[in-house]
Amino acid sequence: MVKENFIYVGIDLHKETHTAVMIDCYNQKLGEITFPNRPADFPKLVTKVKKCNTDAKEVVYGLENAYGYGRPLAVWLIDKGYFVKDVNTAISHRQAKHRGAMYRKSDSDDAEAIALATLNMLDKLPDACPNDAYWSLGQLVHRRDNIMKQRTRLVNQLHEQLCIAYPSYKSFFNDISRPTALYFWEHYPSRKYLRGKSVEDLRKELVPVSHNRCSTKNCEKILDAAASDKVKNNAYQDARDMVTLSIVSDLQHYDSQLAEVDKMLEQMYKMLGCTLTTIPGVNVITAVKILAEIGDINRFKSSSALVAFAGIDPTVRQSGEFSSTHNHMSKRGSPYLRHAIFLAATTCSFHNSPLNAYYKKKREQGKHHLTATGAVARKLTTVIYAVLRDGKPYEPKSFC
């Protein structure tokens, strides 16, 4: 595409309003508008752009994250037949910082930085494709991440309570937040509730909850550890017990929600007909996280474009006159996609024969573990691109 044939509109997106700045191919500001974030007011943007576009050139709209607050606008522009690019936040921020001493922080400046990023990276930026299926998938993925964060916070709070009530609590269960453990804390938040409880009574109570996994030996260990702690009767223990019961209730609630979200994610994954889970080491949760960030694979022209979007493409830094070159990961793309691919690459390095061999090869070359994993992540991204592009299961021979 010839950049001189376009004018560029960068849009800084917010919940209530959007700010748009128009520039030409020479980075000359042509105009600016702030308009409400509702479809009824979107025509104001097009009208303003037409007034600034005196040469009747084609218009490119660059939206910073076209899948968040700007999704309604992206859908509206695409439906009207306009050319819309998705500008990653990291790219626009870096473009703004490159102004040096002239850098200012305002909606207008941010929108101009987005327009400049659209101009400079016109051929590299992915097209905005706010498909409802991928957008809904992304909402579910973000909901799952939020549940997991809240759950981790609650587990830490539970640790804080149990270390006082049961100093040896870590020896009771392998995981204090599993259903059997939560049942125990719910009914025995402190030692006083275990008074008179025999091993057989405790076993009969825990066996159904643990699906016959809790043995007599486990119950003996719990009661012996609780007795050997010799915890004195603390004042106001009832108040702390209530805190424990509240935390347990919240954890059970989040576990229930997590199960529902995971069920829906699996249903949507099957509905999309994706084959990412045929790659050894990639489970459904990892697959949907990758899909939610990538969206329609057709918006990427090549695997290199996808690698760049994930921010795992290498950048070259030279040390001046010494001509020493070091490769560093750019980290300029989607941090969520990069994280998901890195987790998958770490697993694939041990479960996937071709990628495991590639990892070992890098290690034998003297590469650090993280460097070797980064190389595996780049190769895995090309595999992901091919699998999504072709819509076929993963075949190791095709990628050896």
Foldseek 3Di string as FASTA:
>chain_A
DDQQQEKFWFWEFDQFKIKIWIAGLVLHTQDIDIWTLDPVTLVVVVVVVVVSPPVPGAYEYEYAPCLPSNVVVLVVCVVVPHFYFYDYPLQLVVQQCVVPPPRDDDSNSSRSSRRVSCSVCVVLTFTDDNDVLLSVLLVLLVVLVVLVVVLVVLLVVLVVLCCQQQVPVCLLDVRCLDQLNLVCCLQDVHDVSCPPPDLVNVCVVRCVRVVNPQDSVSSVVVVVSNVVVPRDDDPPVVVSSVVNNVSSVSSVVSVVVSVVSVVVLVVSVVVVLAAPPLQPQQDSSLVSLLCSQCPQLVSGPALVSVCVQLQLAWDWDADPPVRDIDTDGRNSHDPSNVVSLLSSLVRCCPTPVVLVVQLVVCVVVVDDNVVSSSVSSSLVSNQSSVRSVVSDHDDVVVSD
